N, C-alpha and C. Protein backbone atom coordinates (compact mmCIF):
# COMPACT_ATOMS: atom_id res chain seq x y z
N MET A 1 -124.09 -42.53 244.95
CA MET A 1 -122.97 -42.03 246.02
C MET A 1 -122.09 -42.83 246.51
N ASN A 2 -121.35 -43.13 246.25
CA ASN A 2 -119.55 -43.44 246.28
C ASN A 2 -118.82 -43.35 247.43
N ILE A 3 -118.16 -44.17 248.70
CA ILE A 3 -117.80 -44.24 249.89
C ILE A 3 -116.97 -44.74 249.67
N ILE A 4 -116.03 -44.30 250.41
CA ILE A 4 -114.66 -45.42 249.83
C ILE A 4 -114.32 -45.05 251.78
N VAL A 5 -113.78 -46.21 252.09
CA VAL A 5 -113.21 -46.24 253.54
C VAL A 5 -111.41 -46.25 253.67
N VAL A 6 -110.96 -46.21 254.57
CA VAL A 6 -109.87 -46.08 254.21
C VAL A 6 -109.60 -45.89 256.32
N PHE A 7 -108.95 -47.13 256.75
CA PHE A 7 -108.05 -47.19 258.04
C PHE A 7 -106.98 -48.21 257.80
N PRO A 8 -106.00 -48.24 258.88
CA PRO A 8 -105.13 -48.57 258.45
C PRO A 8 -105.32 -49.86 258.94
N LYS A 9 -105.88 -50.00 260.07
CA LYS A 9 -106.49 -51.58 260.69
C LYS A 9 -107.79 -51.99 259.70
N LYS A 10 -107.67 -53.45 258.99
CA LYS A 10 -108.57 -53.19 258.11
C LYS A 10 -109.74 -54.41 258.98
N GLU A 11 -109.37 -54.69 259.90
CA GLU A 11 -110.81 -54.98 260.53
C GLU A 11 -111.80 -53.93 261.32
N VAL A 12 -111.52 -53.13 261.36
CA VAL A 12 -112.17 -51.52 261.53
C VAL A 12 -112.61 -51.31 260.01
N ALA A 13 -111.53 -50.90 259.42
CA ALA A 13 -112.90 -50.46 258.31
C ALA A 13 -113.67 -51.74 257.49
N LEU A 14 -113.22 -52.90 257.86
CA LEU A 14 -114.21 -53.93 257.48
C LEU A 14 -115.73 -53.30 258.08
N LYS A 15 -115.08 -53.25 259.80
CA LYS A 15 -116.99 -52.71 260.75
C LYS A 15 -117.72 -51.94 260.59
N ILE A 16 -116.89 -50.21 259.46
CA ILE A 16 -117.66 -49.25 259.56
C ILE A 16 -117.74 -49.64 258.50
N LYS A 17 -117.43 -50.35 257.21
CA LYS A 17 -118.17 -50.32 255.32
C LYS A 17 -119.50 -51.87 255.87
N ASN A 18 -119.47 -52.51 257.07
CA ASN A 18 -120.44 -53.45 256.96
C ASN A 18 -121.51 -52.36 257.45
N ILE A 19 -121.36 -51.34 258.17
CA ILE A 19 -122.63 -50.42 258.84
C ILE A 19 -123.24 -49.84 258.01
N LEU A 20 -122.06 -49.37 257.10
CA LEU A 20 -122.47 -48.31 255.72
C LEU A 20 -123.36 -49.82 254.92
N VAL A 21 -123.09 -50.67 254.84
CA VAL A 21 -123.84 -51.53 253.54
C VAL A 21 -125.28 -51.83 254.57
N LYS A 22 -125.11 -52.17 255.36
CA LYS A 22 -126.51 -52.44 256.34
C LYS A 22 -127.08 -51.29 256.24
N ASN A 23 -127.03 -50.16 256.21
CA ASN A 23 -127.92 -49.13 255.95
C ASN A 23 -127.99 -48.26 254.59
N GLY A 24 -127.87 -49.73 253.38
CA GLY A 24 -128.41 -49.28 252.18
C GLY A 24 -127.32 -48.31 251.61
N TYR A 25 -126.29 -49.05 251.60
CA TYR A 25 -124.78 -47.88 251.01
C TYR A 25 -124.04 -48.02 250.69
N ASP A 26 -123.64 -48.25 249.09
CA ASP A 26 -122.55 -48.59 248.10
C ASP A 26 -120.60 -47.91 248.24
N VAL A 27 -120.29 -49.19 249.62
CA VAL A 27 -119.15 -48.83 249.58
C VAL A 27 -117.85 -49.35 247.86
N ALA A 28 -117.76 -48.18 247.95
CA ALA A 28 -116.87 -48.20 246.51
C ALA A 28 -115.56 -49.11 246.15
N ALA A 29 -114.78 -48.93 247.42
CA ALA A 29 -113.59 -48.69 247.88
C ALA A 29 -113.35 -49.90 249.80
N VAL A 30 -112.85 -49.98 249.58
CA VAL A 30 -112.22 -50.13 251.58
C VAL A 30 -110.43 -49.91 251.12
N CYS A 31 -110.02 -49.44 251.62
CA CYS A 31 -108.40 -48.92 251.63
C CYS A 31 -107.64 -49.22 253.10
N LEU A 32 -105.97 -49.10 252.70
CA LEU A 32 -105.65 -49.11 254.37
C LEU A 32 -104.79 -48.53 254.09
N ASN A 33 -104.16 -47.89 253.68
CA ASN A 33 -104.05 -46.65 253.44
C ASN A 33 -104.02 -45.31 252.56
N GLY A 34 -103.36 -44.39 252.43
CA GLY A 34 -103.49 -42.96 251.31
C GLY A 34 -103.71 -43.17 250.05
N ALA A 35 -102.57 -43.80 250.05
CA ALA A 35 -102.03 -44.18 248.20
C ALA A 35 -103.68 -45.04 247.44
N GLN A 36 -103.93 -45.94 247.87
CA GLN A 36 -105.27 -46.88 247.69
C GLN A 36 -106.23 -45.82 247.54
N ALA A 37 -106.57 -45.49 248.50
CA ALA A 37 -107.48 -43.89 248.34
C ALA A 37 -107.52 -43.37 248.01
N ILE A 38 -106.13 -43.04 246.45
CA ILE A 38 -106.21 -41.72 246.24
C ILE A 38 -106.25 -41.91 244.75
N ALA A 39 -105.69 -43.45 244.73
CA ALA A 39 -106.17 -44.15 243.47
C ALA A 39 -107.38 -44.81 243.43
N ALA A 40 -108.80 -44.90 244.10
CA ALA A 40 -110.01 -45.45 243.58
C ALA A 40 -110.85 -44.41 243.90
N ALA A 41 -110.37 -42.86 244.53
CA ALA A 41 -111.00 -41.88 244.38
C ALA A 41 -110.79 -41.69 243.17
N GLY A 42 -109.32 -41.51 242.23
CA GLY A 42 -109.42 -42.06 240.82
C GLY A 42 -110.36 -42.03 239.97
N HIS A 43 -110.79 -43.27 240.38
CA HIS A 43 -111.78 -43.31 239.11
C HIS A 43 -113.20 -42.97 239.60
N LEU A 44 -113.77 -42.19 240.23
CA LEU A 44 -114.91 -41.35 240.86
C LEU A 44 -115.03 -40.30 240.77
N GLU A 45 -115.78 -39.69 240.06
CA GLU A 45 -116.24 -38.22 240.23
C GLU A 45 -117.07 -37.54 241.68
N THR A 46 -117.53 -38.50 241.90
CA THR A 46 -118.21 -37.79 243.47
C THR A 46 -118.42 -39.01 244.75
N GLY A 47 -117.80 -38.51 245.75
CA GLY A 47 -118.39 -39.92 246.77
C GLY A 47 -117.58 -39.07 248.44
N VAL A 48 -117.64 -40.32 249.42
CA VAL A 48 -117.64 -40.16 251.00
C VAL A 48 -116.82 -40.15 250.99
N VAL A 49 -115.22 -39.67 251.62
CA VAL A 49 -114.05 -40.91 252.15
C VAL A 49 -114.09 -40.36 254.04
N VAL A 50 -114.79 -42.34 254.59
CA VAL A 50 -114.60 -42.02 256.13
C VAL A 50 -113.03 -42.44 256.12
N CYS A 51 -112.36 -42.00 257.11
CA CYS A 51 -110.87 -42.20 257.49
C CYS A 51 -110.67 -41.91 258.76
N SER A 52 -109.86 -43.39 258.76
CA SER A 52 -108.63 -42.48 260.43
C SER A 52 -107.92 -41.43 260.44
N ILE A 53 -107.48 -40.28 261.29
CA ILE A 53 -107.01 -39.22 261.45
C ILE A 53 -105.75 -39.14 260.57
N ARG A 54 -104.29 -40.40 260.98
CA ARG A 54 -103.39 -40.73 259.68
C ARG A 54 -103.74 -42.49 259.76
N PHE A 55 -102.57 -42.60 258.19
CA PHE A 55 -103.18 -43.94 258.08
C PHE A 55 -101.15 -43.93 257.69
N VAL A 56 -100.59 -45.10 257.08
CA VAL A 56 -98.96 -45.74 257.43
C VAL A 56 -98.03 -44.27 256.31
N ASP A 57 -99.11 -43.66 255.33
CA ASP A 57 -98.73 -43.28 254.63
C ASP A 57 -99.11 -41.74 254.18
N MET A 58 -99.41 -41.37 255.22
CA MET A 58 -99.69 -40.05 255.17
C MET A 58 -101.32 -39.37 256.01
N MET A 59 -101.13 -38.05 256.28
CA MET A 59 -102.30 -37.68 257.60
C MET A 59 -103.22 -37.40 256.58
N TYR A 60 -105.06 -37.49 256.80
CA TYR A 60 -106.14 -37.53 256.72
C TYR A 60 -106.55 -36.32 255.75
N HIS A 61 -105.61 -35.16 255.76
CA HIS A 61 -105.32 -33.89 255.24
C HIS A 61 -104.78 -33.66 254.10
N GLU A 62 -103.39 -34.45 254.19
CA GLU A 62 -102.53 -34.92 253.24
C GLU A 62 -103.63 -35.47 251.89
N LEU A 63 -104.43 -36.59 252.22
CA LEU A 63 -105.90 -37.51 251.08
C LEU A 63 -106.67 -36.46 250.35
N LYS A 64 -107.26 -35.41 251.61
CA LYS A 64 -108.18 -34.94 251.42
C LYS A 64 -108.02 -34.03 249.51
N GLU A 65 -106.25 -33.72 250.18
CA GLU A 65 -105.39 -32.92 249.14
C GLU A 65 -106.33 -32.96 247.65
N CYS A 66 -106.10 -34.24 247.48
CA CYS A 66 -105.92 -34.89 246.27
C CYS A 66 -106.87 -35.52 245.70
N LEU A 67 -108.77 -35.38 246.53
CA LEU A 67 -109.38 -35.43 246.27
C LEU A 67 -109.91 -35.53 245.22
N PRO A 68 -110.44 -36.20 244.14
CA PRO A 68 -111.27 -34.96 243.52
C PRO A 68 -112.23 -33.65 244.09
N VAL A 69 -112.76 -32.76 242.97
CA VAL A 69 -113.75 -31.64 243.74
C VAL A 69 -115.01 -32.33 244.51
N TYR A 70 -115.39 -33.16 243.59
CA TYR A 70 -116.74 -33.32 244.17
C TYR A 70 -116.85 -34.87 245.87
N PHE A 71 -115.80 -34.80 245.97
CA PHE A 71 -115.36 -35.33 247.23
C PHE A 71 -115.24 -34.50 248.94
N GLU A 72 -116.38 -35.06 249.92
CA GLU A 72 -115.84 -34.70 251.33
C GLU A 72 -115.60 -35.73 252.10
N MET A 73 -115.16 -35.56 253.57
CA MET A 73 -114.77 -36.32 254.63
C MET A 73 -114.94 -36.17 255.62
N ILE A 74 -115.03 -37.64 256.15
CA ILE A 74 -115.44 -37.64 257.17
C ILE A 74 -114.40 -38.18 258.26
N VAL A 75 -113.40 -37.73 259.50
CA VAL A 75 -112.84 -38.38 259.86
C VAL A 75 -112.86 -39.07 261.15
N VAL A 76 -112.62 -40.27 261.46
CA VAL A 76 -113.37 -41.04 262.54
C VAL A 76 -111.65 -40.83 263.26
N ALA A 77 -112.25 -40.23 264.47
CA ALA A 77 -111.08 -40.07 265.68
C ALA A 77 -110.84 -39.81 267.10
N ARG A 78 -110.24 -40.09 268.76
CA ARG A 78 -110.92 -39.40 269.58
C ARG A 78 -110.19 -37.89 269.77
N ARG A 79 -111.43 -37.63 270.78
CA ARG A 79 -110.94 -36.04 270.40
C ARG A 79 -109.52 -36.21 270.81
N GLU A 80 -108.73 -36.09 271.15
CA GLU A 80 -107.80 -35.73 272.10
C GLU A 80 -106.54 -35.79 270.32
N GLN A 81 -106.53 -36.69 269.33
CA GLN A 81 -105.95 -36.28 268.64
C GLN A 81 -106.93 -35.25 267.12
N TRP A 82 -107.77 -35.37 267.32
CA TRP A 82 -108.61 -34.84 266.65
C TRP A 82 -108.28 -32.90 266.98
N GLN A 83 -108.35 -32.58 268.41
CA GLN A 83 -107.55 -30.82 268.49
C GLN A 83 -106.17 -31.21 268.31
N GLU A 84 -105.42 -32.70 268.11
CA GLU A 84 -103.61 -31.88 267.72
C GLU A 84 -103.78 -31.64 266.47
N TYR A 85 -104.72 -32.57 265.58
CA TYR A 85 -104.31 -32.94 263.83
C TYR A 85 -105.69 -32.10 263.04
N GLY A 86 -106.69 -32.28 263.65
CA GLY A 86 -107.75 -32.34 263.03
C GLY A 86 -107.51 -30.84 262.89
N GLU A 87 -108.64 -29.96 262.15
CA GLU A 87 -108.38 -28.85 261.13
C GLU A 87 -110.37 -28.32 260.87
N GLU A 88 -110.87 -28.22 259.92
CA GLU A 88 -111.77 -27.73 260.02
C GLU A 88 -112.42 -28.23 258.56
N ASP A 89 -111.02 -28.77 257.84
CA ASP A 89 -111.71 -29.49 256.18
C ASP A 89 -112.19 -30.21 256.28
N ALA A 90 -112.57 -30.29 257.39
CA ALA A 90 -113.11 -32.54 257.04
C ALA A 90 -113.93 -32.36 258.28
N ALA A 91 -115.08 -33.21 258.10
CA ALA A 91 -116.04 -33.55 259.62
C ALA A 91 -115.30 -34.08 259.97
N TRP A 92 -115.88 -34.24 261.76
CA TRP A 92 -115.26 -35.19 262.53
C TRP A 92 -116.20 -35.68 263.30
N LEU A 93 -116.00 -37.09 263.52
CA LEU A 93 -116.89 -38.02 264.26
C LEU A 93 -116.28 -38.35 265.73
N PRO A 94 -116.13 -38.70 266.53
CA PRO A 94 -115.63 -38.70 268.00
C PRO A 94 -115.81 -40.04 268.34
N LEU A 95 -114.80 -40.56 268.28
CA LEU A 95 -114.59 -42.52 269.09
C LEU A 95 -115.28 -42.26 270.47
N PRO A 96 -115.34 -42.90 271.19
CA PRO A 96 -115.74 -43.94 270.57
C PRO A 96 -117.36 -43.76 270.08
N MET A 97 -117.69 -43.99 268.32
CA MET A 97 -118.36 -43.90 267.38
C MET A 97 -119.85 -44.64 267.64
N LYS A 98 -120.73 -43.63 267.52
CA LYS A 98 -122.45 -44.45 267.00
C LYS A 98 -122.48 -45.25 265.69
N GLY A 99 -123.28 -45.58 265.66
CA GLY A 99 -123.40 -46.75 263.80
C GLY A 99 -123.95 -44.93 262.97
N PHE A 100 -125.30 -45.07 264.18
CA PHE A 100 -126.56 -44.22 263.29
C PHE A 100 -125.87 -43.02 263.22
N ASP A 101 -124.75 -42.17 263.70
CA ASP A 101 -124.38 -41.11 263.51
C ASP A 101 -123.80 -41.14 262.53
N LEU A 102 -123.31 -42.12 262.21
CA LEU A 102 -121.47 -42.35 260.67
C LEU A 102 -123.08 -42.43 259.77
N VAL A 103 -124.12 -42.56 260.07
CA VAL A 103 -125.04 -42.69 258.60
C VAL A 103 -125.59 -41.62 258.51
N ASP A 104 -125.96 -41.15 259.75
CA ASP A 104 -126.79 -39.37 259.61
C ASP A 104 -125.40 -38.34 258.74
N LEU A 105 -124.71 -38.71 258.97
CA LEU A 105 -123.48 -37.92 258.57
C LEU A 105 -122.72 -38.16 257.12
N VAL A 106 -123.37 -38.69 257.23
CA VAL A 106 -123.05 -39.45 255.58
C VAL A 106 -123.74 -38.69 254.71
N ALA A 107 -124.70 -39.23 255.19
CA ALA A 107 -126.88 -39.30 254.26
C ALA A 107 -126.33 -36.67 253.59
N ASP A 108 -126.16 -36.38 255.45
CA ASP A 108 -125.67 -34.77 255.22
C ASP A 108 -125.13 -34.88 254.40
N LEU A 109 -123.92 -35.29 254.23
CA LEU A 109 -122.45 -34.78 253.46
C LEU A 109 -122.92 -35.52 251.64
N GLN A 110 -123.29 -36.01 251.77
CA GLN A 110 -123.87 -36.48 249.87
C GLN A 110 -124.97 -35.48 249.48
N ALA A 111 -126.09 -34.83 250.36
CA ALA A 111 -126.94 -33.98 250.11
C ALA A 111 -125.79 -32.77 249.71
N GLU A 112 -124.94 -32.34 250.08
CA GLU A 112 -124.20 -31.52 250.48
C GLU A 112 -123.56 -31.36 248.71
N ILE A 113 -122.71 -32.80 248.17
CA ILE A 113 -122.54 -32.88 247.49
C ILE A 113 -123.30 -32.40 246.10
N LEU A 114 -124.60 -33.01 246.22
CA LEU A 114 -125.55 -32.33 245.54
C LEU A 114 -126.09 -31.18 244.99
N ARG A 115 -126.03 -30.63 246.19
CA ARG A 115 -126.58 -29.07 246.16
C ARG A 115 -124.61 -28.37 245.78
N ARG A 116 -123.96 -28.89 246.13
CA ARG A 116 -122.94 -28.42 245.27
C ARG A 116 -122.49 -28.05 243.66
N ILE A 117 -123.21 -29.74 243.09
CA ILE A 117 -122.84 -30.30 241.84
C ILE A 117 -123.95 -28.74 241.41
N LYS A 118 -125.49 -29.43 241.68
CA LYS A 118 -126.34 -27.97 241.13
C LYS A 118 -126.38 -26.79 241.28
N LYS A 119 -125.43 -26.28 241.93
CA LYS A 119 -125.01 -25.45 242.25
C LYS A 119 -123.91 -24.20 240.96
N ASP A 120 -122.70 -25.71 241.08
CA ASP A 120 -122.09 -25.29 239.84
C ASP A 120 -122.59 -25.66 238.37
N ARG A 121 -123.64 -26.27 238.00
CA ARG A 121 -124.23 -26.60 236.87
C ARG A 121 -124.28 -25.21 236.62
N THR A 122 -125.68 -24.44 237.47
CA THR A 122 -126.56 -23.25 237.07
C THR A 122 -125.13 -22.48 236.32
N LYS A 123 -123.82 -22.21 237.31
CA LYS A 123 -123.38 -21.38 237.07
C LYS A 123 -122.87 -21.44 235.67
N PRO A 124 -123.12 -19.95 235.04
CA PRO A 124 -122.17 -19.14 233.65
C PRO A 124 -120.70 -20.27 233.61
N LYS A 125 -120.60 -20.72 232.95
CA LYS A 125 -119.27 -21.36 232.62
C LYS A 125 -117.68 -20.44 232.26
N THR A 126 -116.89 -20.28 232.52
CA THR A 126 -115.80 -18.65 232.62
C THR A 126 -115.57 -19.43 231.55
N ARG A 127 -114.75 -18.90 230.42
CA ARG A 127 -114.12 -19.90 229.69
C ARG A 127 -112.79 -19.38 229.65
N SER A 128 -112.07 -19.35 229.28
CA SER A 128 -110.22 -19.71 229.55
C SER A 128 -109.82 -18.75 228.65
N THR A 129 -109.33 -17.55 228.51
CA THR A 129 -108.56 -16.16 227.64
C THR A 129 -108.12 -17.10 226.67
N GLU A 130 -107.77 -18.12 226.47
CA GLU A 130 -107.93 -17.92 225.05
C GLU A 130 -109.10 -18.29 223.47
N GLU A 131 -110.19 -18.97 224.39
CA GLU A 131 -111.50 -19.30 224.04
C GLU A 131 -111.71 -17.48 223.97
N ARG A 132 -112.39 -16.54 224.95
CA ARG A 132 -112.76 -15.30 224.71
C ARG A 132 -111.91 -14.62 223.54
N LYS A 133 -110.79 -14.52 223.87
CA LYS A 133 -110.17 -14.19 222.27
C LYS A 133 -110.33 -14.75 220.73
N LEU A 134 -110.52 -16.11 220.76
CA LEU A 134 -111.24 -16.48 219.86
C LEU A 134 -112.72 -16.02 219.82
N ILE A 135 -113.25 -16.07 220.15
CA ILE A 135 -114.58 -15.51 220.17
C ILE A 135 -114.93 -13.49 219.92
N ASP A 136 -113.48 -13.43 220.22
CA ASP A 136 -113.80 -12.20 219.87
C ASP A 136 -112.61 -11.97 218.30
N ARG A 137 -112.14 -12.28 218.29
CA ARG A 137 -111.59 -12.90 216.66
C ARG A 137 -112.65 -12.29 215.77
N ALA A 138 -113.78 -13.36 215.74
CA ALA A 138 -114.28 -13.66 215.41
C ALA A 138 -115.19 -12.89 214.69
N LYS A 139 -115.68 -11.91 216.37
CA LYS A 139 -116.61 -10.85 216.01
C LYS A 139 -116.17 -10.03 215.66
N GLU A 140 -114.25 -10.04 215.72
CA GLU A 140 -113.88 -8.84 215.25
C GLU A 140 -113.91 -8.77 213.28
N LEU A 141 -114.00 -9.41 212.99
CA LEU A 141 -113.92 -10.94 211.84
C LEU A 141 -115.22 -10.65 211.15
N LEU A 142 -116.61 -10.46 211.89
CA LEU A 142 -117.73 -10.78 211.71
C LEU A 142 -117.99 -8.79 211.63
N MET A 143 -117.68 -7.59 212.57
CA MET A 143 -117.76 -6.74 212.10
C MET A 143 -117.19 -6.13 211.14
N ALA A 144 -116.31 -6.88 210.86
CA ALA A 144 -115.55 -5.68 209.82
C ALA A 144 -116.00 -6.23 208.41
N ARG A 145 -116.12 -7.58 208.01
CA ARG A 145 -117.00 -8.20 207.21
C ARG A 145 -117.82 -7.61 207.02
N HIS A 146 -119.00 -7.79 207.46
CA HIS A 146 -120.53 -7.71 207.49
C HIS A 146 -120.59 -5.73 207.74
N GLY A 147 -120.24 -5.34 208.75
CA GLY A 147 -120.60 -4.61 208.99
C GLY A 147 -121.53 -4.65 210.74
N TYR A 148 -121.36 -5.65 211.32
CA TYR A 148 -122.39 -5.86 212.30
C TYR A 148 -121.84 -4.70 213.68
N THR A 149 -122.76 -4.84 214.53
CA THR A 149 -122.15 -4.21 215.56
C THR A 149 -121.22 -4.87 216.42
N GLU A 150 -120.72 -4.33 217.84
CA GLU A 150 -120.67 -6.23 218.52
C GLU A 150 -121.52 -6.77 218.80
N GLU A 151 -122.63 -6.85 219.99
CA GLU A 151 -123.98 -7.42 219.99
C GLU A 151 -124.57 -7.82 218.64
N GLU A 152 -124.39 -7.83 217.60
CA GLU A 152 -125.20 -8.92 216.30
C GLU A 152 -123.71 -9.52 215.59
N ALA A 153 -122.79 -9.51 216.13
CA ALA A 153 -121.57 -10.35 215.79
C ALA A 153 -121.55 -11.80 216.89
N HIS A 154 -122.35 -10.92 218.27
CA HIS A 154 -122.07 -12.09 218.86
C HIS A 154 -123.29 -13.21 219.20
N ARG A 155 -124.57 -11.98 218.57
CA ARG A 155 -125.72 -12.82 218.26
C ARG A 155 -125.79 -13.62 216.66
N TYR A 156 -124.95 -13.80 215.99
CA TYR A 156 -124.33 -14.13 215.23
C TYR A 156 -124.17 -15.88 215.37
N LEU A 157 -122.62 -15.09 216.25
CA LEU A 157 -122.06 -16.69 216.38
C LEU A 157 -122.98 -17.25 217.64
N GLN A 158 -123.48 -16.63 218.45
CA GLN A 158 -124.71 -17.48 219.45
C GLN A 158 -125.49 -18.69 218.78
N LYS A 159 -126.42 -18.04 217.78
CA LYS A 159 -127.33 -18.72 216.68
C LYS A 159 -126.95 -19.93 216.18
N GLN A 160 -125.84 -19.10 215.14
CA GLN A 160 -125.22 -19.99 214.75
C GLN A 160 -124.80 -21.76 215.48
N SER A 161 -124.73 -21.40 216.83
CA SER A 161 -123.55 -22.32 217.93
C SER A 161 -124.94 -23.12 217.99
N MET A 162 -126.18 -22.37 217.82
CA MET A 162 -127.89 -23.20 218.37
C MET A 162 -127.87 -24.06 217.41
N ASP A 163 -127.41 -23.39 216.10
CA ASP A 163 -129.05 -23.83 214.75
C ASP A 163 -127.71 -25.22 214.83
N SER A 164 -126.66 -25.51 215.08
CA SER A 164 -125.49 -26.23 214.51
C SER A 164 -125.14 -27.34 215.67
N GLY A 165 -125.23 -27.29 217.22
CA GLY A 165 -125.36 -27.61 218.56
C GLY A 165 -123.91 -27.58 218.62
N ARG A 166 -123.10 -26.97 217.73
CA ARG A 166 -121.67 -26.98 218.62
C ARG A 166 -121.13 -25.54 220.00
N ALA A 167 -120.42 -25.50 220.07
CA ALA A 167 -120.02 -24.74 221.47
C ALA A 167 -119.24 -23.13 220.28
N LEU A 168 -120.05 -22.74 221.26
CA LEU A 168 -119.83 -20.97 220.83
C LEU A 168 -118.01 -20.79 220.47
N THR A 169 -117.04 -21.24 220.93
CA THR A 169 -115.62 -21.96 220.97
C THR A 169 -115.61 -22.27 219.27
N ALA A 170 -116.39 -23.26 218.98
CA ALA A 170 -116.16 -23.69 218.00
C ALA A 170 -116.52 -23.26 217.28
N THR A 171 -117.58 -22.78 217.17
CA THR A 171 -118.64 -22.01 216.31
C THR A 171 -117.35 -20.55 215.38
N ALA A 172 -117.28 -20.20 216.44
CA ALA A 172 -115.37 -19.00 216.23
C ALA A 172 -114.99 -19.47 215.54
N LYS A 173 -114.56 -20.81 215.77
CA LYS A 173 -113.50 -21.08 214.62
C LYS A 173 -113.68 -21.31 213.35
N ARG A 174 -114.83 -22.54 213.50
CA ARG A 174 -115.21 -22.25 212.16
C ARG A 174 -115.88 -20.65 211.19
N VAL A 175 -115.90 -19.93 211.60
CA VAL A 175 -116.55 -18.68 211.28
C VAL A 175 -114.74 -18.03 210.59
N LEU A 176 -114.02 -18.35 211.46
CA LEU A 176 -112.44 -18.04 211.25
C LEU A 176 -112.15 -17.98 210.29
N ALA A 177 -112.63 -20.22 209.91
CA ALA A 177 -111.72 -21.23 208.89
C ALA A 177 -112.24 -20.61 207.80
N ALA A 178 -113.74 -20.37 208.13
CA ALA A 178 -114.15 -20.00 206.70
C ALA A 178 -113.59 -18.67 205.89
N CYS A 179 -113.75 -17.86 207.14
CA CYS A 179 -113.17 -16.65 206.01
C CYS A 179 -111.84 -16.49 205.78
N GLU A 180 -110.24 -17.24 206.96
CA GLU A 180 -109.44 -17.38 206.17
C GLU A 180 -109.43 -17.77 204.55
N ASP A 181 -110.18 -19.17 204.52
CA ASP A 181 -110.18 -19.80 203.76
C ASP A 181 -111.07 -18.98 202.24
N GLY A 182 -111.63 -17.66 202.36
CA GLY A 182 -111.77 -17.19 201.72
C GLY A 182 -113.31 -17.31 201.54
N GLU A 183 -114.42 -17.93 201.99
CA GLU A 183 -115.86 -19.30 202.19
C GLU A 183 -116.61 -18.07 202.07
N ALA A 184 -116.30 -17.24 202.87
CA ALA A 184 -117.33 -15.90 203.61
C ALA A 184 -117.54 -15.44 202.85
N ASP A 185 -119.38 -15.96 202.11
CA ASP A 185 -119.13 -14.39 200.94
C ASP A 185 -120.08 -13.62 200.92
N GLY A 186 -120.11 -13.07 202.00
CA GLY A 186 -121.49 -12.34 202.43
C GLY A 186 -122.75 -13.10 202.70
N SER A 187 -123.70 -13.82 203.10
CA SER A 187 -124.44 -15.16 202.90
C SER A 187 -124.53 -14.46 204.61
N HIS A 188 -123.76 -13.99 205.28
CA HIS A 188 -124.00 -14.80 207.18
C HIS A 188 -123.75 -16.13 207.71
N THR A 189 -123.58 -16.30 206.48
CA THR A 189 -124.01 -18.65 207.10
C THR A 189 -122.62 -18.99 207.34
N VAL A 190 -122.93 -20.15 207.93
CA VAL A 190 -121.16 -20.93 207.59
C VAL A 190 -121.35 -22.15 207.71
N SER A 191 -120.80 -22.66 206.77
CA SER A 191 -121.16 -24.20 206.31
C SER A 191 -120.82 -24.76 207.38
N GLN A 192 -122.69 -25.94 207.83
CA GLN A 192 -122.81 -26.74 208.55
C GLN A 192 -121.99 -28.32 208.18
N GLU A 193 -121.34 -29.27 208.66
CA GLU A 193 -120.49 -30.08 208.47
C GLU A 193 -121.13 -31.00 208.72
């Protein structure tokens, strides 16, 4: 899992990096401002940002809004700063900070990211309105041409999709194209390239 360290003072950023590296973590980037962190995160899919509460170009919550979805954030700040600027949208470590507290929190957040990824992968994918309309048009065409019920048409599309290794929407496009080109001859198959 990637870690990005963002502090306006380079010596502080390097101290944080050293704590993490000594504990077996890979630090993908050390940044001095929010723009650098956004650029670094843009090349990564997952990770944890360890940062101060403010940078020369933005506050931590502005950076958080720009991070990819599978990123978490740890803000290292004095209690007074956190009370004034902090929100519930990030984990907070009070200064003075202990290295083992940082390492433990990074481990917890990485586990949370992995849980979210696993949960999101098990969710059924939601189709866009356009994709649903495409599938519905293909089912309607199959129902009209072959006398299928809606359930039979859907099962046909699913089976063709599984047999060809294509997405359901790609199979629906092929069915529509085949019927529009006059290739649907009632054989209940769609040509596979």
